[in-house]
PDB file of N, CA and C in Angstrom:
ATOM      1  N   UNK A   1     -29.115   5.975 -24.492  1.00  0.00           N
ATOM      2  CA  UNK A   1     -29.376   7.374 -25.486  1.00  0.00           C
ATOM      3  C   UNK A   1     -30.256   7.260 -26.617  1.00  0.00           C
ATOM      4  N   UNK A   2     -31.195   7.662 -26.752  1.00  0.00           N
ATOM      5  CA  UNK A   2     -31.714   7.676 -28.146  1.00  0.00           C
ATOM      6  C   UNK A   2     -31.071   8.787 -29.239  1.00  0.00           C
ATOM      7  N   UNK A   3     -30.568   9.523 -28.949  1.00  0.00           N
ATOM      8  CA  UNK A   3     -29.943  10.612 -29.673  1.00  0.00           C
ATOM      9  C   UNK A   3     -28.294  10.029 -29.688  1.00  0.00           C
ATOM     10  N   UNK A   4     -28.656   8.904 -30.551  1.00  0.00           N
ATOM     11  CA  UNK A   4     -27.138   8.420 -30.667  1.00  0.00           C
ATOM     12  C   UNK A   4     -26.009   9.703 -31.303  1.00  0.00           C
ATOM     13  N   UNK A   5     -26.818  10.421 -32.383  1.00  0.00           N
ATOM     14  CA  UNK A   5     -25.965  11.062 -33.235  1.00  0.00           C
ATOM     15  C   UNK A   5     -25.229  12.096 -32.143  1.00  0.00           C
ATOM     16  N   UNK A   6     -25.895  12.518 -31.292  1.00  0.00           N
ATOM     17  CA  UNK A   6     -25.312  13.543 -30.237  1.00  0.00           C
ATOM     18  C   UNK A   6     -24.312  12.919 -29.242  1.00  0.00           C
ATOM     19  N   UNK A   7     -24.613  11.613 -28.901  1.00  0.00           N
ATOM     20  CA  UNK A   7     -23.302  11.083 -27.985  1.00  0.00           C
ATOM     21  C   UNK A   7     -22.227  10.928 -28.953  1.00  0.00           C
ATOM     22  N   UNK A   8     -22.671  10.175 -30.027  1.00  0.00           N
ATOM     23  CA  UNK A   8     -21.304   9.808 -30.972  1.00  0.00           C
ATOM     24  C   UNK A   8     -20.274  11.213 -31.300  1.00  0.00           C
ATOM     25  N   UNK A   9     -21.454  12.431 -31.540  1.00  0.00           N
ATOM     26  CA  UNK A   9     -20.611  13.647 -31.845  1.00  0.00           C
ATOM     27  C   UNK A   9     -19.937  14.264 -30.700  1.00  0.00           C
ATOM     28  N   UNK A  10     -20.293  13.872 -29.634  1.00  0.00           N
ATOM     29  CA  UNK A  10     -19.502  14.483 -28.342  1.00  0.00           C
ATOM     30  C   UNK A  10     -18.223  13.472 -28.183  1.00  0.00           C
ATOM     31  N   UNK A  11     -18.602  12.117 -28.141  1.00  0.00           N
ATOM     32  CA  UNK A  11     -17.510  11.366 -28.315  1.00  0.00           C
ATOM     33  C   UNK A  11     -16.266  11.376 -29.260  1.00  0.00           C
ATOM     34  N   UNK A  12     -16.837  12.005 -30.695  1.00  0.00           N
ATOM     35  CA  UNK A  12     -15.738  12.488 -31.433  1.00  0.00           C
ATOM     36  C   UNK A  12     -15.232  13.686 -30.863  1.00  0.00           C
ATOM     37  N   UNK A  13     -16.050  14.706 -30.681  1.00  0.00           N
ATOM     38  CA  UNK A  13     -15.304  16.054 -30.421  1.00  0.00           C
ATOM     39  C   UNK A  13     -14.381  16.150 -29.505  1.00  0.00           C
ATOM     40  N   UNK A  14     -14.281  15.083 -28.717  1.00  0.00           N
ATOM     41  CA  UNK A  14     -13.774  14.976 -27.263  1.00  0.00           C
ATOM     42  C   UNK A  14     -12.706  14.180 -27.128  1.00  0.00           C
ATOM     43  N   UNK A  15     -12.531  13.586 -28.632  1.00  0.00           N
ATOM     44  CA  UNK A  15     -11.676  12.196 -28.646  1.00  0.00           C
ATOM     45  C   UNK A  15     -10.101  12.566 -28.040  1.00  0.00           C
ATOM     46  N   UNK A  16      -9.777  13.860 -28.242  1.00  0.00           N
ATOM     47  CA  UNK A  16      -8.369  14.515 -28.059  1.00  0.00           C
ATOM     48  C   UNK A  16      -8.483  15.157 -26.838  1.00  0.00           C
ATOM     49  N   UNK A  17      -9.278  15.347 -26.412  1.00  0.00           N
ATOM     50  CA  UNK A  17      -9.670  16.181 -24.963  1.00  0.00           C
ATOM     51  C   UNK A  17      -9.445  15.743 -23.739  1.00  0.00           C
ATOM     52  N   UNK A  18      -8.405  15.695 -22.784  1.00  0.00           N
ATOM     53  CA  UNK A  18      -8.239  15.340 -21.729  1.00  0.00           C
ATOM     54  C   UNK A  18      -9.296  15.429 -20.614  1.00  0.00           C
ATOM     55  N   UNK A  19     -10.083  16.465 -21.185  1.00  0.00           N
ATOM     56  CA  UNK A  19     -10.822  16.971 -19.608  1.00  0.00           C
ATOM     57  C   UNK A  19     -12.202  16.193 -19.589  1.00  0.00           C
ATOM     58  N   UNK A  20     -12.485  15.433 -20.986  1.00  0.00           N
ATOM     59  CA  UNK A  20     -13.612  14.430 -20.698  1.00  0.00           C
ATOM     60  C   UNK A  20     -13.495  13.174 -21.280  1.00  0.00           C
ATOM     61  N   UNK A  21     -14.092  12.307 -20.772  1.00  0.00           N
ATOM     62  CA  UNK A  21     -14.308  10.832 -21.171  1.00  0.00           C
ATOM     63  C   UNK A  21     -15.525  10.555 -21.043  1.00  0.00           C
ATOM     64  N   UNK A  22     -16.165  10.325 -22.199  1.00  0.00           N
ATOM     65  CA  UNK A  22     -17.436   9.697 -22.195  1.00  0.00           C
ATOM     66  C   UNK A  22     -17.844   8.081 -22.612  1.00  0.00           C
ATOM     67  N   UNK A  23     -18.713   7.550 -21.828  1.00  0.00           N
ATOM     68  CA  UNK A  23     -19.150   6.116 -21.993  1.00  0.00           C
ATOM     69  C   UNK A  23     -20.811   6.592 -22.138  1.00  0.00           C
ATOM     70  N   UNK A  24     -21.319   5.433 -23.122  1.00  0.00           N
ATOM     71  CA  UNK A  24     -22.749   5.407 -23.539  1.00  0.00           C
ATOM     72  C   UNK A  24     -23.222   4.336 -22.799  1.00  0.00           C
ATOM     73  N   UNK A  25     -24.571   4.145 -22.384  1.00  0.00           N
ATOM     74  CA  UNK A  25     -25.340   3.139 -21.981  1.00  0.00           C
ATOM     75  C   UNK A  25     -26.855   3.357 -22.445  1.00  0.00           C
ATOM     76  N   UNK A  26     -26.877   2.519 -23.578  1.00  0.00           N
ATOM     77  CA  UNK A  26     -28.491   2.761 -24.238  1.00  0.00           C
ATOM     78  C   UNK A  26     -29.278   2.130 -23.218  1.00  0.00           C
ATOM     79  N   UNK A  27     -29.369   0.993 -22.593  1.00  0.00           N
ATOM     80  CA  UNK A  27     -30.108   0.965 -21.927  1.00  0.00           C
ATOM     81  C   UNK A  27     -30.493   1.372 -20.521  1.00  0.00           C
ATOM     82  N   UNK A  28     -31.744   1.926 -20.230  1.00  0.00           N
ATOM     83  CA  UNK A  28     -31.843   3.158 -19.128  1.00  0.00           C
ATOM     84  C   UNK A  28     -32.004   2.160 -17.624  1.00  0.00           C
ATOM     85  N   UNK A  29     -32.493   0.824 -18.058  1.00  0.00           N
ATOM     86  CA  UNK A  29     -32.555  -0.005 -16.842  1.00  0.00           C
ATOM     87  C   UNK A  29     -31.066  -0.488 -16.392  1.00  0.00           C
ATOM     88  N   UNK A  30     -30.281   0.041 -17.164  1.00  0.00           N
ATOM     89  CA  UNK A  30     -28.811  -0.619 -16.811  1.00  0.00           C
ATOM     90  C   UNK A  30     -27.778   0.786 -16.228  1.00  0.00           C
ATOM     91  N   UNK A  31     -28.479   2.013 -16.500  1.00  0.00           N
ATOM     92  CA  UNK A  31     -27.826   3.047 -16.657  1.00  0.00           C
ATOM     93  C   UNK A  31     -27.098   3.316 -14.826  1.00  0.00           C
ATOM     94  N   UNK A  32     -28.122   3.125 -14.011  1.00  0.00           N
ATOM     95  CA  UNK A  32     -27.459   3.086 -12.744  1.00  0.00           C
ATOM     96  C   UNK A  32     -26.339   2.259 -12.507  1.00  0.00           C
ATOM     97  N   UNK A  33     -26.239   1.341 -12.768  1.00  0.00           N
ATOM     98  CA  UNK A  33     -25.232   0.076 -12.739  1.00  0.00           C
ATOM     99  C   UNK A  33     -24.182   0.616 -13.391  1.00  0.00           C
ATOM    100  N   UNK A  34     -24.176   1.162 -14.461  1.00  0.00           N
ATOM    101  CA  UNK A  34     -23.082   1.700 -15.143  1.00  0.00           C
ATOM    102  C   UNK A  34     -22.693   2.889 -14.612  1.00  0.00           C
ATOM    103  N   UNK A  35     -23.398   3.805 -14.469  1.00  0.00           N
ATOM    104  CA  UNK A  35     -23.068   4.850 -13.487  1.00  0.00           C
ATOM    105  C   UNK A  35     -21.598   4.599 -12.516  1.00  0.00           C
ATOM    106  N   UNK A  36     -22.640   3.573 -11.635  1.00  0.00           N
ATOM    107  CA  UNK A  36     -21.737   2.981 -10.317  1.00  0.00           C
ATOM    108  C   UNK A  36     -20.550   2.594 -10.968  1.00  0.00           C
ATOM    109  N   UNK A  37     -20.252   1.507 -11.670  1.00  0.00           N
ATOM    110  CA  UNK A  37     -19.093   1.079 -12.283  1.00  0.00           C
ATOM    111  C   UNK A  37     -17.960   1.823 -12.693  1.00  0.00           C
ATOM    112  N   UNK A  38     -18.497   3.090 -13.659  1.00  0.00           N
ATOM    113  CA  UNK A  38     -17.794   4.177 -14.034  1.00  0.00           C
ATOM    114  C   UNK A  38     -17.307   5.013 -13.202  1.00  0.00           C
ATOM    115  N   UNK A  39     -18.369   5.281 -12.281  1.00  0.00           N
ATOM    116  CA  UNK A  39     -17.949   6.397 -11.400  1.00  0.00           C
ATOM    117  C   UNK A  39     -17.718   7.909 -11.893  1.00  0.00           C
ATOM    118  N   UNK A  40     -18.642   8.137 -12.530  1.00  0.00           N
ATOM    119  CA  UNK A  40     -18.241   9.454 -13.612  1.00  0.00           C
ATOM    120  C   UNK A  40     -18.623  10.851 -12.666  1.00  0.00           C
ATOM    121  N   UNK A  41     -18.127  12.065 -12.944  1.00  0.00           N
ATOM    122  CA  UNK A  41     -18.289  13.229 -12.467  1.00  0.00           C
ATOM    123  C   UNK A  41     -19.738  13.540 -12.558  1.00  0.00           C
ATOM    124  N   UNK A  42     -19.631  13.483 -13.845  1.00  0.00           N
ATOM    125  CA  UNK A  42     -21.110  13.823 -14.385  1.00  0.00           C
ATOM    126  C   UNK A  42     -21.755  12.612 -15.181  1.00  0.00           C
ATOM    127  N   UNK A  43     -23.081  12.704 -15.085  1.00  0.00           N
ATOM    128  CA  UNK A  43     -24.143  11.853 -15.875  1.00  0.00           C
ATOM    129  C   UNK A  43     -25.244  12.612 -16.645  1.00  0.00           C
ATOM    130  N   UNK A  44     -25.039  12.234 -17.847  1.00  0.00           N
ATOM    131  CA  UNK A  44     -26.061  13.015 -18.910  1.00  0.00           C
ATOM    132  C   UNK A  44     -27.385  11.984 -19.082  1.00  0.00           C
ATOM    133  N   UNK A  45     -28.570  12.269 -18.889  1.00  0.00           N
ATOM    134  CA  UNK A  45     -29.675  11.230 -18.797  1.00  0.00           C
ATOM    135  C   UNK A  45     -30.787  12.278 -19.972  1.00  0.00           C
ATOM    136  N   UNK A  46     -30.875  11.228 -21.050  1.00  0.00           N
ATOM    137  CA  UNK A  46     -31.707  11.781 -22.302  1.00  0.00           C
ATOM    138  C   UNK A  46     -33.289  11.426 -21.722  1.00  0.00           C
ATOM    139  N   UNK A  47     -34.313  12.301 -21.729  1.00  0.00           N
ATOM    140  CA  UNK A  47     -35.586  12.148 -21.869  1.00  0.00           C
ATOM    141  C   UNK A  47     -36.343  12.142 -23.191  1.00  0.00           C
ATOM    142  N   UNK A  48     -36.324  10.767 -23.475  1.00  0.00           N
ATOM    143  CA  UNK A  48     -36.357  10.530 -24.904  1.00  0.00           C
ATOM    144  C   UNK A  48     -38.087  11.309 -25.664  1.00  0.00           C
ATOM    145  N   UNK A  49     -37.978  11.281 -26.745  1.00  0.00           N
ATOM    146  CA  UNK A  49     -39.516  12.027 -27.017  1.00  0.00           C
ATOM    147  C   UNK A  49     -40.471  10.842 -27.454  1.00  0.00           C
ATOM    148  N   UNK A  50     -39.893   9.406 -27.340  1.00  0.00           N
ATOM    149  CA  UNK A  50     -40.879   8.262 -27.580  1.00  0.00           C
ATOM    150  C   UNK A  50     -40.326   7.131 -27.074  1.00  0.00           C
ATOM    151  N   UNK A  51     -41.239   6.067 -26.927  1.00  0.00           N
ATOM    152  CA  UNK A  51     -40.619   4.701 -26.474  1.00  0.00           C
ATOM    153  C   UNK A  51     -41.046   4.814 -25.087  1.00  0.00           C
ATOM    154  N   UNK A  52     -40.637   3.247 -24.554  1.00  0.00           N
ATOM    155  CA  UNK A  52     -40.505   2.937 -23.386  1.00  0.00           C
ATOM    156  C   UNK A  52     -40.290   3.905 -22.178  1.00  0.00           C
ATOM    157  N   UNK A  53     -38.961   4.858 -22.350  1.00  0.00           N
ATOM    158  CA  UNK A  53     -38.343   5.724 -21.256  1.00  0.00           C
ATOM    159  C   UNK A  53     -38.792   7.238 -21.335  1.00  0.00           C
ATOM    160  N   UNK A  54     -39.985   7.207 -22.453  1.00  0.00           N
ATOM    161  CA  UNK A  54     -40.295   8.804 -22.426  1.00  0.00           C
ATOM    162  C   UNK A  54     -41.034   9.337 -21.676  1.00  0.00           C
ATOM    163  N   UNK A  55     -41.186   8.389 -20.480  1.00  0.00           N
ATOM    164  CA  UNK A  55     -42.059   9.262 -19.350  1.00  0.00           C
ATOM    165  C   UNK A  55     -40.638   9.994 -18.371  1.00  0.00           C
ATOM    166  N   UNK A  56     -41.016  11.231 -18.073  1.00  0.00           N
ATOM    167  CA  UNK A  56     -39.726  11.979 -17.655  1.00  0.00           C
ATOM    168  C   UNK A  56     -39.485  11.212 -16.262  1.00  0.00           C
ATOM    169  N   UNK A  57     -40.636  11.086 -15.736  1.00  0.00           N
ATOM    170  CA  UNK A  57     -40.201  10.508 -14.115  1.00  0.00           C
ATOM    171  C   UNK A  57     -39.686   9.549 -14.014  1.00  0.00           C
ATOM    172  N   UNK A  58     -39.865   8.619 -14.993  1.00  0.00           N
ATOM    173  CA  UNK A  58     -38.941   6.965 -15.438  1.00  0.00           C
ATOM    174  C   UNK A  58     -37.447   7.392 -15.258  1.00  0.00           C
ATOM    175  N   UNK A  59     -37.261   8.592 -16.034  1.00  0.00           N
ATOM    176  CA  UNK A  59     -36.040   8.767 -16.423  1.00  0.00           C
ATOM    177  C   UNK A  59     -35.409   9.772 -14.765  1.00  0.00           C
ATOM    178  N   UNK A  60     -36.296   9.999 -13.952  1.00  0.00           N
ATOM    179  CA  UNK A  60     -35.916  10.918 -12.616  1.00  0.00           C
ATOM    180  C   UNK A  60     -35.765   9.909 -11.798  1.00  0.00           C
ATOM    181  N   UNK A  61     -36.412   8.865 -12.019  1.00  0.00           N
ATOM    182  CA  UNK A  61     -36.043   7.651 -10.921  1.00  0.00           C
ATOM    183  C   UNK A  61     -34.826   7.101 -11.172  1.00  0.00           C
ATOM    184  N   UNK A  62     -34.153   7.157 -12.333  1.00  0.00           N
ATOM    185  CA  UNK A  62     -32.824   6.724 -12.864  1.00  0.00           C
ATOM    186  C   UNK A  62     -31.994   7.672 -12.177  1.00  0.00           C
ATOM    187  N   UNK A  63     -32.184   8.510 -12.709  1.00  0.00           N
ATOM    188  CA  UNK A  63     -31.433   9.673 -11.545  1.00  0.00           C
ATOM    189  C   UNK A  63     -31.074   9.607 -10.330  1.00  0.00           C
ATOM    190  N   UNK A  64     -32.229   9.443  -9.667  1.00  0.00           N
ATOM    191  CA  UNK A  64     -32.563   9.272  -8.017  1.00  0.00           C
ATOM    192  C   UNK A  64     -31.672   8.241  -7.899  1.00  0.00           C
ATOM    193  N   UNK A  65     -31.802   7.039  -8.325  1.00  0.00           N
ATOM    194  CA  UNK A  65     -30.930   5.744  -8.130  1.00  0.00           C
ATOM    195  C   UNK A  65     -29.111   6.341  -8.132  1.00  0.00           C
ATOM    196  N   UNK A  66     -29.004   6.912  -9.051  1.00  0.00           N
ATOM    197  CA  UNK A  66     -27.628   7.325  -9.434  1.00  0.00           C
ATOM    198  C   UNK A  66     -26.868   8.460  -8.454  1.00  0.00           C
ATOM    199  N   UNK A  67     -28.078   9.031  -8.053  1.00  0.00           N
ATOM    200  CA  UNK A  67     -27.920  10.185  -6.692  1.00  0.00           C
ATOM    201  C   UNK A  67     -27.704   9.798  -5.795  1.00  0.00           C
ATOM    202  N   UNK A  68     -28.221   8.510  -5.184  1.00  0.00           N
ATOM    203  CA  UNK A  68     -28.117   7.734  -3.991  1.00  0.00           C
ATOM    204  C   UNK A  68     -26.880   7.180  -4.124  1.00  0.00           C
ATOM    205  N   UNK A  69     -26.510   6.308  -5.292  1.00  0.00           N
ATOM    206  CA  UNK A  69     -25.143   5.449  -5.382  1.00  0.00           C
ATOM    207  C   UNK A  69     -23.870   6.523  -5.171  1.00  0.00           C
ATOM    208  N   UNK A  70     -23.862   7.517  -6.015  1.00  0.00           N
ATOM    209  CA  UNK A  70     -22.935   8.505  -5.984  1.00  0.00           C
ATOM    210  C   UNK A  70     -23.350   9.866  -5.923  1.00  0.00           C
ATOM    211  N   UNK A  71     -23.520  10.457  -4.511  1.00  0.00           N
ATOM    212  CA  UNK A  71     -23.796  11.697  -4.310  1.00  0.00           C
ATOM    213  C   UNK A  71     -23.128  12.958  -4.903  1.00  0.00           C
ATOM    214  N   UNK A  72     -21.758  12.909  -5.001  1.00  0.00           N
ATOM    215  CA  UNK A  72     -21.185  13.780  -5.858  1.00  0.00           C
ATOM    216  C   UNK A  72     -21.173  13.951  -7.339  1.00  0.00           C
ATOM    217  N   UNK A  73     -21.797  12.769  -7.503  1.00  0.00           N
ATOM    218  CA  UNK A  73     -22.153  13.005  -9.112  1.00  0.00           C
ATOM    219  C   UNK A  73     -22.942  14.218  -9.463  1.00  0.00           C
ATOM    220  N   UNK A  74     -22.875  14.811 -10.743  1.00  0.00           N
ATOM    221  CA  UNK A  74     -23.676  15.736 -11.322  1.00  0.00           C
ATOM    222  C   UNK A  74     -24.437  15.151 -12.283  1.00  0.00           C
ATOM    223  N   UNK A  75     -25.966  15.193 -12.216  1.00  0.00           N
ATOM    224  CA  UNK A  75     -26.852  14.921 -13.221  1.00  0.00           C
ATOM    225  C   UNK A  75     -27.160  15.911 -14.275  1.00  0.00           C
ATOM    226  N   UNK A  76     -27.238  16.024 -15.409  1.00  0.00           N
ATOM    227  CA  UNK A  76     -27.594  16.762 -16.459  1.00  0.00           C
ATOM    228  C   UNK A  76     -28.684  15.806 -17.111  1.00  0.00           C
ATOM    229  N   UNK A  77     -29.882  16.675 -17.167  1.00  0.00           N
ATOM    230  CA  UNK A  77     -30.918  16.070 -18.140  1.00  0.00           C
ATOM    231  C   UNK A  77     -30.955  16.435 -19.593  1.00  0.00           C
ATOM    232  N   UNK A  78     -31.068  15.605 -20.774  1.00  0.00           N
ATOM    233  CA  UNK A  78     -31.473  16.374 -21.959  1.00  0.00           C
ATOM    234  C   UNK A  78     -32.845  15.970 -22.200  1.00  0.00           C
ATOM    235  N   UNK A  79     -33.656  17.222 -22.630  1.00  0.00           N
ATOM    236  CA  UNK A  79     -35.184  16.995 -22.914  1.00  0.00           C
ATOM    237  C   UNK A  79     -35.378  17.979 -24.624  1.00  0.00           C
ATOM    238  N   UNK A  80     -36.302  17.504 -24.501  1.00  0.00           N
ATOM    239  CA  UNK A  80     -36.707  18.322 -26.266  1.00  0.00           C
ATOM    240  C   UNK A  80     -37.454  19.609 -25.665  1.00  0.00           C
ATOM    241  N   UNK A  81     -37.179  20.826 -26.083  1.00  0.00           N
ATOM    242  CA  UNK A  81     -37.702  22.059 -25.903  1.00  0.00           C
ATOM    243  C   UNK A  81     -39.183  22.137 -26.414  1.00  0.00           C
ATOM    244  N   UNK A  82     -39.495  21.314 -27.521  1.00  0.00           N
ATOM    245  CA  UNK A  82     -40.935  20.864 -27.717  1.00  0.00           C
ATOM    246  C   UNK A  82     -42.060  20.097 -27.117  1.00  0.00           C
ATOM    247  N   UNK A  83     -41.316  19.635 -26.057  1.00  0.00           N
ATOM    248  CA  UNK A  83     -42.346  18.441 -24.782  1.00  0.00           C
ATOM    249  C   UNK A  83     -42.304  19.285 -23.517  1.00  0.00           C
ATOM    250  N   UNK A  84     -43.522  20.154 -23.624  1.00  0.00           N
ATOM    251  CA  UNK A  84     -43.683  20.749 -22.802  1.00  0.00           C
ATOM    252  C   UNK A  84     -43.530  20.330 -21.485  1.00  0.00           C
ATOM    253  N   UNK A  85     -44.360  18.947 -21.146  1.00  0.00           N
ATOM    254  CA  UNK A  85     -44.203  18.033 -20.069  1.00  0.00           C
ATOM    255  C   UNK A  85     -42.951  18.027 -19.597  1.00  0.00           C
ATOM    256  N   UNK A  86     -41.936  17.463 -20.302  1.00  0.00           N
ATOM    257  CA  UNK A  86     -40.701  16.864 -19.942  1.00  0.00           C
ATOM    258  C   UNK A  86     -39.951  18.598 -19.771  1.00  0.00           C
ATOM    259  N   UNK A  87     -40.178  19.356 -20.330  1.00  0.00           N
ATOM    260  CA  UNK A  87     -39.617  20.590 -19.800  1.00  0.00           C
ATOM    261  C   UNK A  87     -39.780  21.124 -18.378  1.00  0.00           C
ATOM    262  N   UNK A  88     -41.148  21.365 -17.941  1.00  0.00           N
ATOM    263  CA  UNK A  88     -42.025  21.023 -16.607  1.00  0.00           C
ATOM    264  C   UNK A  88     -41.337  20.322 -15.926  1.00  0.00           C
ATOM    265  N   UNK A  89     -41.317  19.168 -16.139  1.00  0.00           N
ATOM    266  CA  UNK A  89     -40.276  17.919 -14.902  1.00  0.00           C
ATOM    267  C   UNK A  89     -39.189  18.199 -14.768  1.00  0.00           C
ATOM    268  N   UNK A  90     -38.217  18.906 -15.810  1.00  0.00           N
ATOM    269  CA  UNK A  90     -37.063  18.924 -15.851  1.00  0.00           C
ATOM    270  C   UNK A  90     -36.869  20.382 -14.679  1.00  0.00           C
ATOM    271  N   UNK A  91     -37.550  21.558 -14.938  1.00  0.00           N
ATOM    272  CA  UNK A  91     -37.463  22.437 -14.251  1.00  0.00           C
ATOM    273  C   UNK A  91     -37.865  22.300 -12.742  1.00  0.00           C
ATOM    274  N   UNK A  92     -38.903  21.369 -12.557  1.00  0.00           N
ATOM    275  CA  UNK A  92     -39.282  21.001 -11.134  1.00  0.00           C
ATOM    276  C   UNK A  92     -38.235  20.079 -10.680  1.00  0.00           C
ATOM    277  N   UNK A  93     -37.660  18.962 -11.406  1.00  0.00           N
ATOM    278  CA  UNK A  93     -36.505  18.206 -10.881  1.00  0.00           C
ATOM    279  C   UNK A  93     -35.198  18.974 -10.328  1.00  0.00           C
ATOM    280  N   UNK A  94     -34.986  20.114 -11.109  1.00  0.00           N
ATOM    281  CA  UNK A  94     -34.012  20.965 -10.725  1.00  0.00           C
ATOM    282  C   UNK A  94     -34.124  21.894  -9.560  1.00  0.00           C
ATOM    283  N   UNK A  95     -35.593  22.350  -9.457  1.00  0.00           N
ATOM    284  CA  UNK A  95     -35.742  22.769  -8.160  1.00  0.00           C
ATOM    285  C   UNK A  95     -36.021  21.977  -6.701  1.00  0.00           C
ATOM    286  N   UNK A  96     -36.230  21.101  -7.134  1.00  0.00           N
ATOM    287  CA  UNK A  96     -36.000  19.882  -6.099  1.00  0.00           C
ATOM    288  C   UNK A  96     -34.747  19.183  -5.884  1.00  0.00           C
ATOM    289  N   UNK A  97     -33.637  20.027  -6.360  1.00  0.00           N
ATOM    290  CA  UNK A  97     -32.590  19.105  -6.400  1.00  0.00           C
ATOM    291  C   UNK A  97     -32.166  17.700  -6.587  1.00  0.00           C
ATOM    292  N   UNK A  98     -33.188  17.104  -7.837  1.00  0.00           N
ATOM    293  CA  UNK A  98     -32.943  15.657  -8.432  1.00  0.00           C
ATOM    294  C   UNK A  98     -31.972  15.829  -9.319  1.00  0.00           C
ATOM    295  N   UNK A  99     -31.536  16.590 -10.148  1.00  0.00           N
ATOM    296  CA  UNK A  99     -30.576  17.171 -11.127  1.00  0.00           C
ATOM    297  C   UNK A  99     -29.916  18.392 -11.007  1.00  0.00           C
ATOM    298  N   UNK A 100     -28.987  18.519 -11.728  1.00  0.00           N
ATOM    299  CA  UNK A 100     -28.147  19.640 -11.311  1.00  0.00           C
ATOM    300  C   UNK A 100     -28.262  20.867 -12.606  1.00  0.00           C
ATOM    301  N   UNK A 101     -28.597  20.313 -13.686  1.00  0.00           N
ATOM    302  CA  UNK A 101     -29.035  21.060 -14.988  1.00  0.00           C
ATOM    303  C   UNK A 101     -29.799  20.264 -15.941  1.00  0.00           C
ATOM    304  N   UNK A 102     -30.740  21.117 -16.703  1.00  0.00           N
ATOM    305  CA  UNK A 102     -30.933  20.620 -18.071  1.00  0.00           C
ATOM    306  C   UNK A 102     -30.331  21.308 -19.254  1.00  0.00           C
ATOM    307  N   UNK A 103     -30.561  20.743 -20.467  1.00  0.00           N
ATOM    308  CA  UNK A 103     -30.617  21.261 -21.609  1.00  0.00           C
ATOM    309  C   UNK A 103     -31.442  20.576 -22.722  1.00  0.00           C
ATOM    310  N   UNK A 104     -31.794  21.573 -23.910  1.00  0.00           N
ATOM    311  CA  UNK A 104     -32.478  21.110 -24.894  1.00  0.00           C
ATOM    312  C   UNK A 104     -31.624  20.581 -25.527  1.00  0.00           C
ATOM    313  N   UNK A 105     -32.149  19.160 -26.307  1.00  0.00           N
ATOM    314  CA  UNK A 105     -31.649  18.289 -27.639  1.00  0.00           C
ATOM    315  C   UNK A 105     -30.767  19.835 -28.447  1.00  0.00           C
ATOM    316  N   UNK A 106     -31.597  20.984 -29.003  1.00  0.00           N
ATOM    317  CA  UNK A 106     -31.085  21.469 -30.030  1.00  0.00           C
ATOM    318  C   UNK A 106     -29.899  22.224 -29.653  1.00  0.00           C
ATOM    319  N   UNK A 107     -29.390  22.240 -28.378  1.00  0.00           N
ATOM    320  CA  UNK A 107     -28.170  23.022 -28.112  1.00  0.00           C
ATOM    321  C   UNK A 107     -27.214  21.976 -28.833  1.00  0.00           C
ATOM    322  N   UNK A 108     -25.931  22.993 -29.329  1.00  0.00           N
ATOM    323  CA  UNK A 108     -24.791  22.411 -29.778  1.00  0.00           C
ATOM    324  C   UNK A 108     -23.656  21.759 -28.976  1.00  0.00           C
ATOM    325  N   UNK A 109     -23.144  20.824 -29.103  1.00  0.00           N
ATOM    326  CA  UNK A 109     -22.063  20.166 -28.755  1.00  0.00           C
ATOM    327  C   UNK A 109     -21.218  20.686 -28.018  1.00  0.00           C
ATOM    328  N   UNK A 110     -20.732  21.925 -28.314  1.00  0.00           N
ATOM    329  CA  UNK A 110     -19.912  23.092 -27.782  1.00  0.00           C
ATOM    330  C   UNK A 110     -20.665  23.573 -26.818  1.00  0.00           C
ATOM    331  N   UNK A 111     -22.002  23.918 -26.785  1.00  0.00           N
ATOM    332  CA  UNK A 111     -22.679  24.510 -25.667  1.00  0.00           C
ATOM    333  C   UNK A 111     -22.707  23.483 -24.463  1.00  0.00           C
ATOM    334  N   UNK A 112     -22.894  22.062 -24.834  1.00  0.00           N
ATOM    335  CA  UNK A 112     -23.055  21.153 -23.990  1.00  0.00           C
ATOM    336  C   UNK A 112     -21.628  20.880 -23.234  1.00  0.00           C
ATOM    337  N   UNK A 113     -20.702  21.037 -23.899  1.00  0.00           N
ATOM    338  CA  UNK A 113     -19.434  20.629 -23.298  1.00  0.00           C
ATOM    339  C   UNK A 113     -18.951  21.894 -21.988  1.00  0.00           C
ATOM    340  N   UNK A 114     -19.429  23.074 -22.672  1.00  0.00           N
ATOM    341  CA  UNK A 114     -19.205  24.144 -21.924  1.00  0.00           C
ATOM    342  C   UNK A 114     -20.014  24.023 -20.670  1.00  0.00           C
ATOM    343  N   UNK A 115     -21.413  23.544 -20.432  1.00  0.00           N
ATOM    344  CA  UNK A 115     -21.953  23.671 -19.471  1.00  0.00           C
ATOM    345  C   UNK A 115     -21.493  22.216 -18.229  1.00  0.00           C
ATOM    346  N   UNK A 116     -21.035  21.107 -19.199  1.00  0.00           N
ATOM    347  CA  UNK A 116     -20.665  20.090 -18.172  1.00  0.00           C
ATOM    348  C   UNK A 116     -19.398  20.882 -17.440  1.00  0.00           C
ATOM    349  N   UNK A 117     -18.688  21.172 -18.535  1.00  0.00           N
ATOM    350  CA  UNK A 117     -16.994  21.852 -17.941  1.00  0.00           C
ATOM    351  C   UNK A 117     -17.254  22.633 -16.631  1.00  0.00           C
ATOM    352  N   UNK A 118     -18.658  23.537 -17.013  1.00  0.00           N
ATOM    353  CA  UNK A 118     -19.060  24.134 -15.568  1.00  0.00           C
ATOM    354  C   UNK A 118     -19.232  23.513 -14.607  1.00  0.00           C
ATOM    355  N   UNK A 119     -19.786  22.518 -14.374  1.00  0.00           N
ATOM    356  CA  UNK A 119     -20.384  21.437 -13.485  1.00  0.00           C
ATOM    357  C   UNK A 119     -19.184  21.006 -12.711  1.00  0.00           C
ATOM    358  N   UNK A 120     -17.926  20.511 -13.400  1.00  0.00           N
ATOM    359  CA  UNK A 120     -16.779  19.695 -12.700  1.00  0.00           C
ATOM    360  C   UNK A 120     -16.428  20.651 -12.018  1.00  0.00           C
TER     361      UNK A 120
END
């Protein structure tokens, strides 16, 4: 996850909260294996704004692998509201049931946690 500050903020904010336990996997190529090993209820995948994994479709391929390995796992995408291509891809992926929901980076950690709690 490139938004390291967001993942760190979520981990810090939920350190005393028994509802959530977060694990981060910064390497997209290892995300499906980490998800399989941790067997989470929810997986959050970021479509980064730059870099090797900035292609929304590459991120959705990871989501598809996680969905095949953990069919009951809920998948949430984080994307930039300023990246129209990623936003449109996230909408389409939700319509096709490739993901369960998507959020923008600019949402607060509190809002993200409430959305995650609603999915469990």
